[in-house]
Amino acid sequence: MTLARQGWLFLLMGFLQWILDWAVTVVLSHFGVPLEVANVCGRITGALLGFWLNGTITFSTSTPLGRRHLVRFIIAWIVLTIISTWAVGLVGHSAGLQYAWLAKPVVEAVLAVASFFISRYWVYR
């Protein structure tokens, strides 16, 4: 599959998981869950959906998803989640919860670029 086609599919799958991630983060933090915890919960729900969608559609190969893919995905996810949580928490503590909600999509968009290349060349390889 071409880089351009994978890029568009990754954007589509990423949009679906981003909606779920953002919604979980906002709902949980609205009900009093600390922002950092809510962000991690949101990223977990998005990750579960994204691993499956990207592994079976975006970066699908003749090799089914396996343990090696999952371990690599988890490593990448942990690193990106640490960066995301730090950035969203920084905004939340310095500017307030509502600004953190608005900043989260921007943070995730920047991290999505790194995630695409990590996924294409390492996780699903």
PDB file of N, CA and C in Angstrom:
ATOM      1  N   MET A   1       0.850  -1.169   0.000  1.00  0.00           N
ATOM      2  CA  MET A   1       0.000   0.000   0.000  1.00  0.00           C
ATOM      3  C   MET A   1       0.903   1.242   0.000  1.00  0.00           C
ATOM      4  N   THR A   2       0.483   2.244  -0.703  1.00  0.00           N
ATOM      5  CA  THR A   2       1.299   3.455  -0.827  1.00  0.00           C
ATOM      6  C   THR A   2       1.290   4.268   0.465  1.00  0.00           C
ATOM      7  N   LEU A   3       2.326   5.079   0.588  1.00  0.00           N
ATOM      8  CA  LEU A   3       2.445   5.957   1.753  1.00  0.00           C
ATOM      9  C   LEU A   3       1.248   6.904   1.845  1.00  0.00           C
ATOM     10  N   ALA A   4       0.824   7.453   0.708  1.00  0.00           N
ATOM     11  CA  ALA A   4      -0.306   8.387   0.696  1.00  0.00           C
ATOM     12  C   ALA A   4      -1.597   7.700   1.146  1.00  0.00           C
ATOM     13  N   ARG A   5      -1.856   6.505   0.642  1.00  0.00           N
ATOM     14  CA  ARG A   5      -3.075   5.777   1.022  1.00  0.00           C
ATOM     15  C   ARG A   5      -3.044   5.428   2.504  1.00  0.00           C
ATOM     16  N   GLN A   6      -1.903   4.962   2.984  1.00  0.00           N
ATOM     17  CA  GLN A   6      -1.783   4.652   4.407  1.00  0.00           C
ATOM     18  C   GLN A   6      -1.956   5.919   5.240  1.00  0.00           C
ATOM     19  N   GLY A   7      -1.424   7.016   4.737  1.00  0.00           N
ATOM     20  CA  GLY A   7      -1.572   8.281   5.457  1.00  0.00           C
ATOM     21  C   GLY A   7      -3.027   8.681   5.625  1.00  0.00           C
ATOM     22  N   TRP A   8      -3.802   8.566   4.544  1.00  0.00           N
ATOM     23  CA  TRP A   8      -5.231   8.919   4.626  1.00  0.00           C
ATOM     24  C   TRP A   8      -5.992   7.975   5.540  1.00  0.00           C
ATOM     25  N   LEU A   9      -5.707   6.675   5.438  1.00  0.00           N
ATOM     26  CA  LEU A   9      -6.375   5.717   6.324  1.00  0.00           C
ATOM     27  C   LEU A   9      -6.002   5.962   7.783  1.00  0.00           C
ATOM     28  N   PHE A  10      -4.721   6.271   8.014  1.00  0.00           N
ATOM     29  CA  PHE A  10      -4.258   6.561   9.371  1.00  0.00           C
ATOM     30  C   PHE A  10      -4.979   7.782   9.932  1.00  0.00           C
ATOM     31  N   LEU A  11      -5.163   8.798   9.097  1.00  0.00           N
ATOM     32  CA  LEU A  11      -5.902   9.993   9.530  1.00  0.00           C
ATOM     33  C   LEU A  11      -7.346   9.648   9.893  1.00  0.00           C
ATOM     34  N   LEU A  12      -7.986   8.852   9.062  1.00  0.00           N
ATOM     35  CA  LEU A  12      -9.369   8.463   9.317  1.00  0.00           C
ATOM     36  C   LEU A  12      -9.482   7.645  10.607  1.00  0.00           C
ATOM     37  N   MET A  13      -8.632   6.643  10.740  1.00  0.00           N
ATOM     38  CA  MET A  13      -8.664   5.807  11.946  1.00  0.00           C
ATOM     39  C   MET A  13      -8.279   6.644  13.171  1.00  0.00           C
ATOM     40  N   GLY A  14      -7.319   7.521  12.988  1.00  0.00           N
ATOM     41  CA  GLY A  14      -6.896   8.395  14.078  1.00  0.00           C
ATOM     42  C   GLY A  14      -7.996   9.341  14.515  1.00  0.00           C
ATOM     43  N   PHE A  15      -8.766   9.838  13.553  1.00  0.00           N
ATOM     44  CA  PHE A  15      -9.875  10.719  13.887  1.00  0.00           C
ATOM     45  C   PHE A  15     -10.900   9.983  14.750  1.00  0.00           C
ATOM     46  N   LEU A  16     -11.200   8.748  14.392  1.00  0.00           N
ATOM     47  CA  LEU A  16     -12.162   7.963  15.171  1.00  0.00           C
ATOM     48  C   LEU A  16     -11.652   7.716  16.589  1.00  0.00           C
ATOM     49  N   GLN A  17     -10.386   7.360  16.705  1.00  0.00           N
ATOM     50  CA  GLN A  17      -9.869   7.104  18.047  1.00  0.00           C
ATOM     51  C   GLN A  17      -9.672   8.406  18.822  1.00  0.00           C
ATOM     52  N   TRP A  18      -9.369   9.495  18.132  1.00  0.00           N
ATOM     53  CA  TRP A  18      -9.230  10.790  18.797  1.00  0.00           C
ATOM     54  C   TRP A  18     -10.558  11.239  19.393  1.00  0.00           C
ATOM     55  N   ILE A  19     -11.644  11.054  18.662  1.00  0.00           N
ATOM     56  CA  ILE A  19     -12.977  11.418  19.167  1.00  0.00           C
ATOM     57  C   ILE A  19     -13.255  10.656  20.466  1.00  0.00           C
ATOM     58  N   LEU A  20     -12.998   9.365  20.448  1.00  0.00           N
ATOM     59  CA  LEU A  20     -13.225   8.547  21.639  1.00  0.00           C
ATOM     60  C   LEU A  20     -12.306   8.991  22.779  1.00  0.00           C
ATOM     61  N   ASP A  21     -11.036   9.188  22.502  1.00  0.00           N
ATOM     62  CA  ASP A  21     -10.045   9.622  23.495  1.00  0.00           C
ATOM     63  C   ASP A  21     -10.459  10.954  24.125  1.00  0.00           C
ATOM     64  N   TRP A  22     -10.748  11.932  23.287  1.00  0.00           N
ATOM     65  CA  TRP A  22     -11.120  13.266  23.770  1.00  0.00           C
ATOM     66  C   TRP A  22     -12.393  13.218  24.612  1.00  0.00           C
ATOM     67  N   ALA A  23     -13.403  12.491  24.133  1.00  0.00           N
ATOM     68  CA  ALA A  23     -14.678  12.406  24.844  1.00  0.00           C
ATOM     69  C   ALA A  23     -14.499  11.777  26.224  1.00  0.00           C
ATOM     70  N   VAL A  24     -13.745  10.711  26.310  1.00  0.00           N
ATOM     71  CA  VAL A  24     -13.505  10.062  27.598  1.00  0.00           C
ATOM     72  C   VAL A  24     -12.763  11.013  28.534  1.00  0.00           C
ATOM     73  N   THR A  25     -11.738  11.709  28.018  1.00  0.00           N
ATOM     74  CA  THR A  25     -10.977  12.663  28.837  1.00  0.00           C
ATOM     75  C   THR A  25     -11.878  13.764  29.376  1.00  0.00           C
ATOM     76  N   VAL A  26     -12.691  14.350  28.518  1.00  0.00           N
ATOM     77  CA  VAL A  26     -13.568  15.450  28.935  1.00  0.00           C
ATOM     78  C   VAL A  26     -14.609  14.973  29.938  1.00  0.00           C
ATOM     79  N   VAL A  27     -15.257  13.855  29.656  1.00  0.00           N
ATOM     80  CA  VAL A  27     -16.310  13.360  30.553  1.00  0.00           C
ATOM     81  C   VAL A  27     -15.734  13.028  31.926  1.00  0.00           C
ATOM     82  N   LEU A  28     -14.633  12.291  31.957  1.00  0.00           N
ATOM     83  CA  LEU A  28     -14.056  11.908  33.244  1.00  0.00           C
ATOM     84  C   LEU A  28     -13.584  13.128  34.039  1.00  0.00           C
ATOM     85  N   SER A  29     -12.891  14.060  33.367  1.00  0.00           N
ATOM     86  CA  SER A  29     -12.404  15.244  34.084  1.00  0.00           C
ATOM     87  C   SER A  29     -13.560  16.144  34.518  1.00  0.00           C
ATOM     88  N   HIS A  30     -14.617  16.179  33.738  1.00  0.00           N
ATOM     89  CA  HIS A  30     -15.804  16.954  34.120  1.00  0.00           C
ATOM     90  C   HIS A  30     -16.406  16.433  35.431  1.00  0.00           C
ATOM     91  N   PHE A  31     -16.338  15.112  35.611  1.00  0.00           N
ATOM     92  CA  PHE A  31     -16.901  14.508  36.818  1.00  0.00           C
ATOM     93  C   PHE A  31     -15.885  14.380  37.949  1.00  0.00           C
ATOM     94  N   GLY A  32     -14.764  15.121  37.841  1.00  0.00           N
ATOM     95  CA  GLY A  32     -13.846  15.224  38.964  1.00  0.00           C
ATOM     96  C   GLY A  32     -12.632  14.333  38.940  1.00  0.00           C
ATOM     97  N   VAL A  33     -12.489  13.487  37.925  1.00  0.00           N
ATOM     98  CA  VAL A  33     -11.280  12.669  37.830  1.00  0.00           C
ATOM     99  C   VAL A  33     -10.124  13.612  37.497  1.00  0.00           C
ATOM    100  N   PRO A  34      -8.977  13.486  38.182  1.00  0.00           N
ATOM    101  CA  PRO A  34      -7.844  14.359  37.858  1.00  0.00           C
ATOM    102  C   PRO A  34      -7.516  14.313  36.359  1.00  0.00           C
ATOM    103  N   LEU A  35      -7.165  15.457  35.803  1.00  0.00           N
ATOM    104  CA  LEU A  35      -6.955  15.592  34.365  1.00  0.00           C
ATOM    105  C   LEU A  35      -5.953  14.576  33.819  1.00  0.00           C
ATOM    106  N   GLU A  36      -4.859  14.382  34.516  1.00  0.00           N
ATOM    107  CA  GLU A  36      -3.847  13.444  34.033  1.00  0.00           C
ATOM    108  C   GLU A  36      -4.388  12.014  33.973  1.00  0.00           C
ATOM    109  N   VAL A  37      -5.146  11.620  34.971  1.00  0.00           N
ATOM    110  CA  VAL A  37      -5.753  10.277  34.997  1.00  0.00           C
ATOM    111  C   VAL A  37      -6.793  10.157  33.888  1.00  0.00           C
ATOM    112  N   ALA A  38      -7.622  11.180  33.735  1.00  0.00           N
ATOM    113  CA  ALA A  38      -8.636  11.179  32.675  1.00  0.00           C
ATOM    114  C   ALA A  38      -7.978  11.082  31.304  1.00  0.00           C
ATOM    115  N   ASN A  39      -6.852  11.784  31.115  1.00  0.00           N
ATOM    116  CA  ASN A  39      -6.141  11.742  29.841  1.00  0.00           C
ATOM    117  C   ASN A  39      -5.625  10.333  29.548  1.00  0.00           C
ATOM    118  N   VAL A  40      -5.047   9.685  30.551  1.00  0.00           N
ATOM    119  CA  VAL A  40      -4.543   8.324  30.349  1.00  0.00           C
ATOM    120  C   VAL A  40      -5.700   7.379  30.024  1.00  0.00           C
ATOM    121  N   CYS A  41      -6.823   7.509  30.719  1.00  0.00           N
ATOM    122  CA  CYS A  41      -7.997   6.676  30.429  1.00  0.00           C
ATOM    123  C   CYS A  41      -8.501   6.906  29.002  1.00  0.00           C
ATOM    124  N   GLY A  42      -8.531   8.163  28.590  1.00  0.00           N
ATOM    125  CA  GLY A  42      -8.936   8.473  27.220  1.00  0.00           C
ATOM    126  C   GLY A  42      -7.991   7.856  26.198  1.00  0.00           C
ATOM    127  N   ARG A  43      -6.696   7.970  26.469  1.00  0.00           N
ATOM    128  CA  ARG A  43      -5.717   7.402  25.539  1.00  0.00           C
ATOM    129  C   ARG A  43      -5.795   5.878  25.491  1.00  0.00           C
ATOM    130  N   ILE A  44      -6.103   5.241  26.608  1.00  0.00           N
ATOM    131  CA  ILE A  44      -6.245   3.778  26.607  1.00  0.00           C
ATOM    132  C   ILE A  44      -7.416   3.363  25.717  1.00  0.00           C
ATOM    133  N   THR A  45      -8.557   4.020  25.867  1.00  0.00           N
ATOM    134  CA  THR A  45      -9.713   3.640  25.045  1.00  0.00           C
ATOM    135  C   THR A  45      -9.433   3.885  23.566  1.00  0.00           C
ATOM    136  N   GLY A  46      -8.801   5.026  23.256  1.00  0.00           N
ATOM    137  CA  GLY A  46      -8.443   5.298  21.867  1.00  0.00           C
ATOM    138  C   GLY A  46      -7.420   4.299  21.340  1.00  0.00           C
ATOM    139  N   ALA A  47      -6.480   3.920  22.181  1.00  0.00           N
ATOM    140  CA  ALA A  47      -5.434   2.979  21.765  1.00  0.00           C
ATOM    141  C   ALA A  47      -6.007   1.605  21.436  1.00  0.00           C
ATOM    142  N   LEU A  48      -6.940   1.149  22.243  1.00  0.00           N
ATOM    143  CA  LEU A  48      -7.546  -0.156  21.979  1.00  0.00           C
ATOM    144  C   LEU A  48      -8.217  -0.182  20.609  1.00  0.00           C
ATOM    145  N   LEU A  49      -8.947   0.877  20.321  1.00  0.00           N
ATOM    146  CA  LEU A  49      -9.601   0.978  19.024  1.00  0.00           C
ATOM    147  C   LEU A  49      -8.560   1.134  17.911  1.00  0.00           C
ATOM    148  N   GLY A  50      -7.586   1.998  18.119  1.00  0.00           N
ATOM    149  CA  GLY A  50      -6.579   2.280  17.100  1.00  0.00           C
ATOM    150  C   GLY A  50      -5.681   1.099  16.763  1.00  0.00           C
ATOM    151  N   PHE A  51      -5.270   0.327  17.755  1.00  0.00           N
ATOM    152  CA  PHE A  51      -4.424  -0.837  17.491  1.00  0.00           C
ATOM    153  C   PHE A  51      -5.118  -1.786  16.529  1.00  0.00           C
ATOM    154  N   TRP A  52      -6.362  -2.053  16.809  1.00  0.00           N
ATOM    155  CA  TRP A  52      -7.111  -2.976  15.961  1.00  0.00           C
ATOM    156  C   TRP A  52      -7.374  -2.384  14.572  1.00  0.00           C
ATOM    157  N   LEU A  53      -7.864  -1.144  14.505  1.00  0.00           N
ATOM    158  CA  LEU A  53      -8.178  -0.528  13.209  1.00  0.00           C
ATOM    159  C   LEU A  53      -6.929  -0.396  12.327  1.00  0.00           C
ATOM    160  N   ASN A  54      -5.846   0.129  12.892  1.00  0.00           N
ATOM    161  CA  ASN A  54      -4.638   0.322  12.090  1.00  0.00           C
ATOM    162  C   ASN A  54      -3.972  -0.997  11.734  1.00  0.00           C
ATOM    163  N   GLY A  55      -4.033  -1.970  12.637  1.00  0.00           N
ATOM    164  CA  GLY A  55      -3.427  -3.264  12.352  1.00  0.00           C
ATOM    165  C   GLY A  55      -4.181  -4.084  11.333  1.00  0.00           C
ATOM    166  N   THR A  56      -5.497  -3.908  11.257  1.00  0.00           N
ATOM    167  CA  THR A  56      -6.291  -4.699  10.314  1.00  0.00           C
ATOM    168  C   THR A  56      -6.647  -3.950   9.037  1.00  0.00           C
ATOM    169  N   ILE A  57      -6.569  -2.620   9.057  1.00  0.00           N
ATOM    170  CA  ILE A  57      -6.951  -1.848   7.871  1.00  0.00           C
ATOM    171  C   ILE A  57      -5.776  -1.042   7.321  1.00  0.00           C
ATOM    172  N   THR A  58      -5.257  -0.112   8.107  1.00  0.00           N
ATOM    173  CA  THR A  58      -4.255   0.835   7.612  1.00  0.00           C
ATOM    174  C   THR A  58      -2.946   0.166   7.224  1.00  0.00           C
ATOM    175  N   PHE A  59      -2.400  -0.642   8.111  1.00  0.00           N
ATOM    176  CA  PHE A  59      -1.095  -1.262   7.874  1.00  0.00           C
ATOM    177  C   PHE A  59      -1.215  -2.778   7.737  1.00  0.00           C
ATOM    178  N   SER A  60      -2.339  -3.247   7.207  1.00  0.00           N
ATOM    179  CA  SER A  60      -2.579  -4.682   7.124  1.00  0.00           C
ATOM    180  C   SER A  60      -1.568  -5.350   6.188  1.00  0.00           C
ATOM    181  N   THR A  61      -1.155  -6.525   6.599  1.00  0.00           N
ATOM    182  CA  THR A  61      -0.258  -7.353   5.799  1.00  0.00           C
ATOM    183  C   THR A  61      -0.825  -8.760   5.797  1.00  0.00           C
ATOM    184  N   SER A  62      -0.118  -9.658   5.149  1.00  0.00           N
ATOM    185  CA  SER A  62      -0.568 -11.051   5.147  1.00  0.00           C
ATOM    186  C   SER A  62      -0.350 -11.698   6.515  1.00  0.00           C
ATOM    187  N   THR A  63       0.491 -11.082   7.336  1.00  0.00           N
ATOM    188  CA  THR A  63       0.732 -11.580   8.690  1.00  0.00           C
ATOM    189  C   THR A  63      -0.307 -10.987   9.639  1.00  0.00           C
ATOM    190  N   PRO A  64      -1.054 -11.839  10.330  1.00  0.00           N
ATOM    191  CA  PRO A  64      -2.048 -11.299  11.268  1.00  0.00           C
ATOM    192  C   PRO A  64      -1.375 -10.602  12.450  1.00  0.00           C
ATOM    193  N   LEU A  65      -2.128  -9.741  13.103  1.00  0.00           N
ATOM    194  CA  LEU A  65      -1.608  -9.066  14.294  1.00  0.00           C
ATOM    195  C   LEU A  65      -1.185 -10.099  15.324  1.00  0.00           C
ATOM    196  N   GLY A  66      -0.033  -9.863  15.913  1.00  0.00           N
ATOM    197  CA  GLY A  66       0.465 -10.813  16.897  1.00  0.00           C
ATOM    198  C   GLY A  66       1.102 -10.129  18.084  1.00  0.00           C
ATOM    199  N   ARG A  67       1.740 -10.944  18.898  1.00  0.00           N
ATOM    200  CA  ARG A  67       2.359 -10.463  20.130  1.00  0.00           C
ATOM    201  C   ARG A  67       3.432  -9.409  19.868  1.00  0.00           C
ATOM    202  N   ARG A  68       4.251  -9.646  18.851  1.00  0.00           N
ATOM    203  CA  ARG A  68       5.321  -8.702  18.516  1.00  0.00           C
ATOM    204  C   ARG A  68       4.737  -7.327  18.192  1.00  0.00           C
ATOM    205  N   HIS A  69       3.666  -7.300  17.405  1.00  0.00           N
ATOM    206  CA  HIS A  69       3.003  -6.041  17.077  1.00  0.00           C
ATOM    207  C   HIS A  69       2.487  -5.359  18.340  1.00  0.00           C
ATOM    208  N   LEU A  70       1.855  -6.147  19.201  1.00  0.00           N
ATOM    209  CA  LEU A  70       1.265  -5.592  20.414  1.00  0.00           C
ATOM    210  C   LEU A  70       2.333  -5.022  21.344  1.00  0.00           C
ATOM    211  N   VAL A  71       3.435  -5.738  21.529  1.00  0.00           N
ATOM    212  CA  VAL A  71       4.507  -5.247  22.403  1.00  0.00           C
ATOM    213  C   VAL A  71       5.080  -3.942  21.865  1.00  0.00           C
ATOM    214  N   ARG A  72       5.331  -3.878  20.580  1.00  0.00           N
ATOM    215  CA  ARG A  72       5.850  -2.646  19.982  1.00  0.00           C
ATOM    216  C   ARG A  72       4.839  -1.506  20.108  1.00  0.00           C
ATOM    217  N   PHE A  73       3.577  -1.824  19.895  1.00  0.00           N
ATOM    218  CA  PHE A  73       2.529  -0.827  20.027  1.00  0.00           C
ATOM    219  C   PHE A  73       2.479  -0.280  21.454  1.00  0.00           C
ATOM    220  N   ILE A  74       2.552  -1.158  22.425  1.00  0.00           N
ATOM    221  CA  ILE A  74       2.498  -0.739  23.831  1.00  0.00           C
ATOM    222  C   ILE A  74       3.678   0.159  24.176  1.00  0.00           C
ATOM    223  N   ILE A  75       4.870  -0.186  23.717  1.00  0.00           N
ATOM    224  CA  ILE A  75       6.049   0.646  23.982  1.00  0.00           C
ATOM    225  C   ILE A  75       5.856   2.044  23.391  1.00  0.00           C
ATOM    226  N   ALA A  76       5.447   2.104  22.134  1.00  0.00           N
ATOM    227  CA  ALA A  76       5.228   3.400  21.480  1.00  0.00           C
ATOM    228  C   ALA A  76       4.116   4.168  22.182  1.00  0.00           C
ATOM    229  N   TRP A  77       3.051   3.474  22.540  1.00  0.00           N
ATOM    230  CA  TRP A  77       1.917   4.112  23.196  1.00  0.00           C
ATOM    231  C   TRP A  77       2.321   4.711  24.534  1.00  0.00           C
ATOM    232  N   ILE A  78       3.115   3.995  25.305  1.00  0.00           N
ATOM    233  CA  ILE A  78       3.549   4.495  26.615  1.00  0.00           C
ATOM    234  C   ILE A  78       4.358   5.781  26.452  1.00  0.00           C
ATOM    235  N   VAL A  79       5.305   5.784  25.527  1.00  0.00           N
ATOM    236  CA  VAL A  79       6.131   6.977  25.314  1.00  0.00           C
ATOM    237  C   VAL A  79       5.262   8.161  24.880  1.00  0.00           C
ATOM    238  N   LEU A  80       4.380   7.946  23.919  1.00  0.00           N
ATOM    239  CA  LEU A  80       3.513   9.030  23.437  1.00  0.00           C
ATOM    240  C   LEU A  80       2.518   9.482  24.505  1.00  0.00           C
ATOM    241  N   THR A  81       2.052   8.560  25.337  1.00  0.00           N
ATOM    242  CA  THR A  81       1.124   8.913  26.408  1.00  0.00           C
ATOM    243  C   THR A  81       1.808   9.766  27.472  1.00  0.00           C
ATOM    244  N   ILE A  82       3.053   9.440  27.784  1.00  0.00           N
ATOM    245  CA  ILE A  82       3.802  10.258  28.746  1.00  0.00           C
ATOM    246  C   ILE A  82       3.928  11.687  28.222  1.00  0.00           C
ATOM    247  N   ILE A  83       4.283  11.820  26.951  1.00  0.00           N
ATOM    248  CA  ILE A  83       4.419  13.153  26.350  1.00  0.00           C
ATOM    249  C   ILE A  83       3.073  13.878  26.349  1.00  0.00           C
ATOM    250  N   SER A  84       2.009  13.190  25.941  1.00  0.00           N
ATOM    251  CA  SER A  84       0.676  13.785  25.883  1.00  0.00           C
ATOM    252  C   SER A  84       0.201  14.228  27.259  1.00  0.00           C
ATOM    253  N   THR A  85       0.354  13.351  28.229  1.00  0.00           N
ATOM    254  CA  THR A  85      -0.116  13.646  29.578  1.00  0.00           C
ATOM    255  C   THR A  85       0.651  14.819  30.179  1.00  0.00           C
ATOM    256  N   TRP A  86       1.938  14.862  29.962  1.00  0.00           N
ATOM    257  CA  TRP A  86       2.745  15.978  30.450  1.00  0.00           C
ATOM    258  C   TRP A  86       2.278  17.293  29.824  1.00  0.00           C
ATOM    259  N   ALA A  87       2.084  17.295  28.499  1.00  0.00           N
ATOM    260  CA  ALA A  87       1.704  18.523  27.798  1.00  0.00           C
ATOM    261  C   ALA A  87       0.311  18.998  28.195  1.00  0.00           C
ATOM    262  N   VAL A  88      -0.661  18.091  28.231  1.00  0.00           N
ATOM    263  CA  VAL A  88      -2.029  18.464  28.604  1.00  0.00           C
ATOM    264  C   VAL A  88      -2.076  18.912  30.071  1.00  0.00           C
ATOM    265  N   GLY A  89      -1.359  18.204  30.927  1.00  0.00           N
ATOM    266  CA  GLY A  89      -1.305  18.588  32.337  1.00  0.00           C
ATOM    267  C   GLY A  89      -0.662  19.946  32.544  1.00  0.00           C
ATOM    268  N   LEU A  90       0.377  20.246  31.780  1.00  0.00           N
ATOM    269  CA  LEU A  90       1.050  21.539  31.864  1.00  0.00           C
ATOM    270  C   LEU A  90       0.076  22.671  31.525  1.00  0.00           C
ATOM    271  N   VAL A  91      -0.678  22.486  30.451  1.00  0.00           N
ATOM    272  CA  VAL A  91      -1.670  23.494  30.066  1.00  0.00           C
ATOM    273  C   VAL A  91      -2.757  23.596  31.135  1.00  0.00           C
ATOM    274  N   GLY A  92      -3.232  22.473  31.624  1.00  0.00           N
ATOM    275  CA  GLY A  92      -4.281  22.477  32.635  1.00  0.00           C
ATOM    276  C   GLY A  92      -3.870  23.192  33.912  1.00  0.00           C
ATOM    277  N   HIS A  93      -2.653  22.956  34.351  1.00  0.00           N
ATOM    278  CA  HIS A  93      -2.190  23.575  35.589  1.00  0.00           C
ATOM    279  C   HIS A  93      -1.843  25.056  35.414  1.00  0.00           C
ATOM    280  N   SER A  94      -1.446  25.438  34.216  1.00  0.00           N
ATOM    281  CA  SER A  94      -1.056  26.836  34.020  1.00  0.00           C
ATOM    282  C   SER A  94      -2.206  27.708  33.504  1.00  0.00           C
ATOM    283  N   ALA A  95      -3.125  27.139  32.726  1.00  0.00           N
ATOM    284  CA  ALA A  95      -4.174  27.954  32.111  1.00  0.00           C
ATOM    285  C   ALA A  95      -5.589  27.548  32.509  1.00  0.00           C
ATOM    286  N   GLY A  96      -5.763  26.359  33.081  1.00  0.00           N
ATOM    287  CA  GLY A  96      -7.088  25.920  33.506  1.00  0.00           C
ATOM    288  C   GLY A  96      -7.602  24.731  32.701  1.00  0.00           C
ATOM    289  N   LEU A  97      -8.593  24.076  33.270  1.00  0.00           N
ATOM    290  CA  LEU A  97      -9.149  22.850  32.695  1.00  0.00           C
ATOM    291  C   LEU A  97      -9.719  23.047  31.296  1.00  0.00           C
ATOM    292  N   GLN A  98     -10.475  24.110  31.075  1.00  0.00           N
ATOM    293  CA  GLN A  98     -11.091  24.317  29.759  1.00  0.00           C
ATOM    294  C   GLN A  98     -10.026  24.502  28.676  1.00  0.00           C
ATOM    295  N   TYR A  99      -8.934  25.181  29.005  1.00  0.00           N
ATOM    296  CA  TYR A  99      -7.854  25.339  28.030  1.00  0.00           C
ATOM    297  C   TYR A  99      -7.153  24.008  27.771  1.00  0.00           C
ATOM    298  N   ALA A 100      -7.068  23.181  28.780  1.00  0.00           N
ATOM    299  CA  ALA A 100      -6.477  21.849  28.589  1.00  0.00           C
ATOM    300  C   ALA A 100      -7.336  21.023  27.638  1.00  0.00           C
ATOM    301  N   TRP A 101      -8.661  21.143  27.778  1.00  0.00           N
ATOM    302  CA  TRP A 101      -9.554  20.432  26.857  1.00  0.00           C
ATOM    303  C   TRP A 101      -9.325  20.887  25.426  1.00  0.00           C
ATOM    304  N   LEU A 102      -9.116  22.175  25.247  1.00  0.00           N
ATOM    305  CA  LEU A 102      -8.871  22.714  23.900  1.00  0.00           C
ATOM    306  C   LEU A 102      -7.474  22.367  23.390  1.00  0.00           C
ATOM    307  N   ALA A 103      -6.511  22.294  24.288  1.00  0.00           N
ATOM    308  CA  ALA A 103      -5.134  21.992  23.889  1.00  0.00           C
ATOM    309  C   ALA A 103      -4.952  20.525  23.524  1.00  0.00           C
ATOM    310  N   LYS A 104      -5.732  19.640  24.123  1.00  0.00           N
ATOM    311  CA  LYS A 104      -5.567  18.205  23.893  1.00  0.00           C
ATOM    312  C   LYS A 104      -5.597  17.828  22.406  1.00  0.00           C
ATOM    313  N   PRO A 105      -6.547  18.319  21.617  1.00  0.00           N
ATOM    314  CA  PRO A 105      -6.534  17.962  20.199  1.00  0.00           C
ATOM    315  C   PRO A 105      -5.260  18.428  19.476  1.00  0.00           C
ATOM    316  N   VAL A 106      -4.734  19.571  19.855  1.00  0.00           N
ATOM    317  CA  VAL A 106      -3.509  20.079  19.228  1.00  0.00           C
ATOM    318  C   VAL A 106      -2.330  19.184  19.589  1.00  0.00           C
ATOM    319  N   VAL A 107      -2.229  18.842  20.855  1.00  0.00           N
ATOM    320  CA  VAL A 107      -1.158  17.955  21.321  1.00  0.00           C
ATOM    321  C   VAL A 107      -1.237  16.616  20.591  1.00  0.00           C
ATOM    322  N   GLU A 108      -2.431  16.061  20.520  1.00  0.00           N
ATOM    323  CA  GLU A 108      -2.608  14.752  19.877  1.00  0.00           C
ATOM    324  C   GLU A 108      -2.325  14.810  18.379  1.00  0.00           C
ATOM    325  N   ALA A 109      -2.638  15.911  17.732  1.00  0.00           N
ATOM    326  CA  ALA A 109      -2.349  16.045  16.294  1.00  0.00           C
ATOM    327  C   ALA A 109      -0.845  16.028  16.041  1.00  0.00           C
ATOM    328  N   VAL A 110      -0.094  16.730  16.885  1.00  0.00           N
ATOM    329  CA  VAL A 110       1.369  16.737  16.732  1.00  0.00           C
ATOM    330  C   VAL A 110       1.923  15.332  16.961  1.00  0.00           C
ATOM    331  N   LEU A 111       1.422  14.651  17.984  1.00  0.00           N
ATOM    332  CA  LEU A 111       1.901  13.303  18.277  1.00  0.00           C
ATOM    333  C   LEU A 111       1.461  12.289  17.213  1.00  0.00           C
ATOM    334  N   ALA A 112       0.374  12.565  16.515  1.00  0.00           N
ATOM    335  CA  ALA A 112      -0.106  11.649  15.474  1.00  0.00           C
ATOM    336  C   ALA A 112       0.888  11.518  14.336  1.00  0.00           C
ATOM    337  N   VAL A 113       1.585  12.582  14.020  1.00  0.00           N
ATOM    338  CA  VAL A 113       2.597  12.524  12.954  1.00  0.00           C
ATOM    339  C   VAL A 113       3.697  11.543  13.343  1.00  0.00           C
ATOM    340  N   ALA A 114       4.189  11.662  14.558  1.00  0.00           N
ATOM    341  CA  ALA A 114       5.218  10.731  15.035  1.00  0.00           C
ATOM    342  C   ALA A 114       4.661   9.311  15.081  1.00  0.00           C
ATOM    343  N   SER A 115       3.433   9.169  15.537  1.00  0.00           N
ATOM    344  CA  SER A 115       2.802   7.859  15.648  1.00  0.00           C
ATOM    345  C   SER A 115       2.663   7.157  14.296  1.00  0.00           C
ATOM    346  N   PHE A 116       2.346   7.920  13.259  1.00  0.00           N
ATOM    347  CA  PHE A 116       2.208   7.331  11.924  1.00  0.00           C
ATOM    348  C   PHE A 116       3.514   6.655  11.508  1.00  0.00           C
ATOM    349  N   PHE A 117       4.609   7.369  11.613  1.00  0.00           N
ATOM    350  CA  PHE A 117       5.877   6.817  11.163  1.00  0.00           C
ATOM    351  C   PHE A 117       6.366   5.687  12.072  1.00  0.00           C
ATOM    352  N   ILE A 118       6.129   5.806  13.351  1.00  0.00           N
ATOM    353  CA  ILE A 118       6.472   4.717  14.272  1.00  0.00           C
ATOM    354  C   ILE A 118       5.648   3.474  13.933  1.00  0.00           C
ATOM    355  N   SER A 119       4.372   3.661  13.662  1.00  0.00           N
ATOM    356  CA  SER A 119       3.491   2.538  13.318  1.00  0.00           C
ATOM    357  C   SER A 119       3.882   1.909  11.988  1.00  0.00           C
ATOM    358  N   ARG A 120       4.110   2.739  11.003  1.00  0.00           N
ATOM    359  CA  ARG A 120       4.408   2.226   9.660  1.00  0.00           C
ATOM    360  C   ARG A 120       5.738   1.492   9.593  1.00  0.00           C
ATOM    361  N   TYR A 121       6.739   2.040  10.240  1.00  0.00           N
ATOM    362  CA  TYR A 121       8.084   1.487  10.082  1.00  0.00           C
ATOM    363  C   TYR A 121       8.547   0.597  11.242  1.00  0.00           C
ATOM    364  N   TRP A 122       7.768   0.530  12.311  1.00  0.00           N
ATOM    365  CA  TRP A 122       8.210  -0.294  13.431  1.00  0.00           C
ATOM    366  C   TRP A 122       7.109  -1.191  13.997  1.00  0.00           C
ATOM    367  N   VAL A 123       5.971  -0.635  14.388  1.00  0.00           N
ATOM    368  CA  VAL A 123       4.950  -1.413  15.094  1.00  0.00           C
ATOM    369  C   VAL A 123       4.362  -2.507  14.213  1.00  0.00           C
ATOM    370  N   TYR A 124       3.861  -2.155  13.045  1.00  0.00           N
ATOM    371  CA  TYR A 124       3.138  -3.114  12.200  1.00  0.00           C
ATOM    372  C   TYR A 124       4.015  -3.747  11.127  1.00  0.00           C
ATOM    373  N   ARG A 125       5.284  -3.633  11.236  1.00  0.00           N
ATOM    374  CA  ARG A 125       6.226  -4.186  10.267  1.00  0.00           C
ATOM    375  C   ARG A 125       6.401  -5.656  10.437  1.00  0.00           C
TER     376      ARG A 125
END
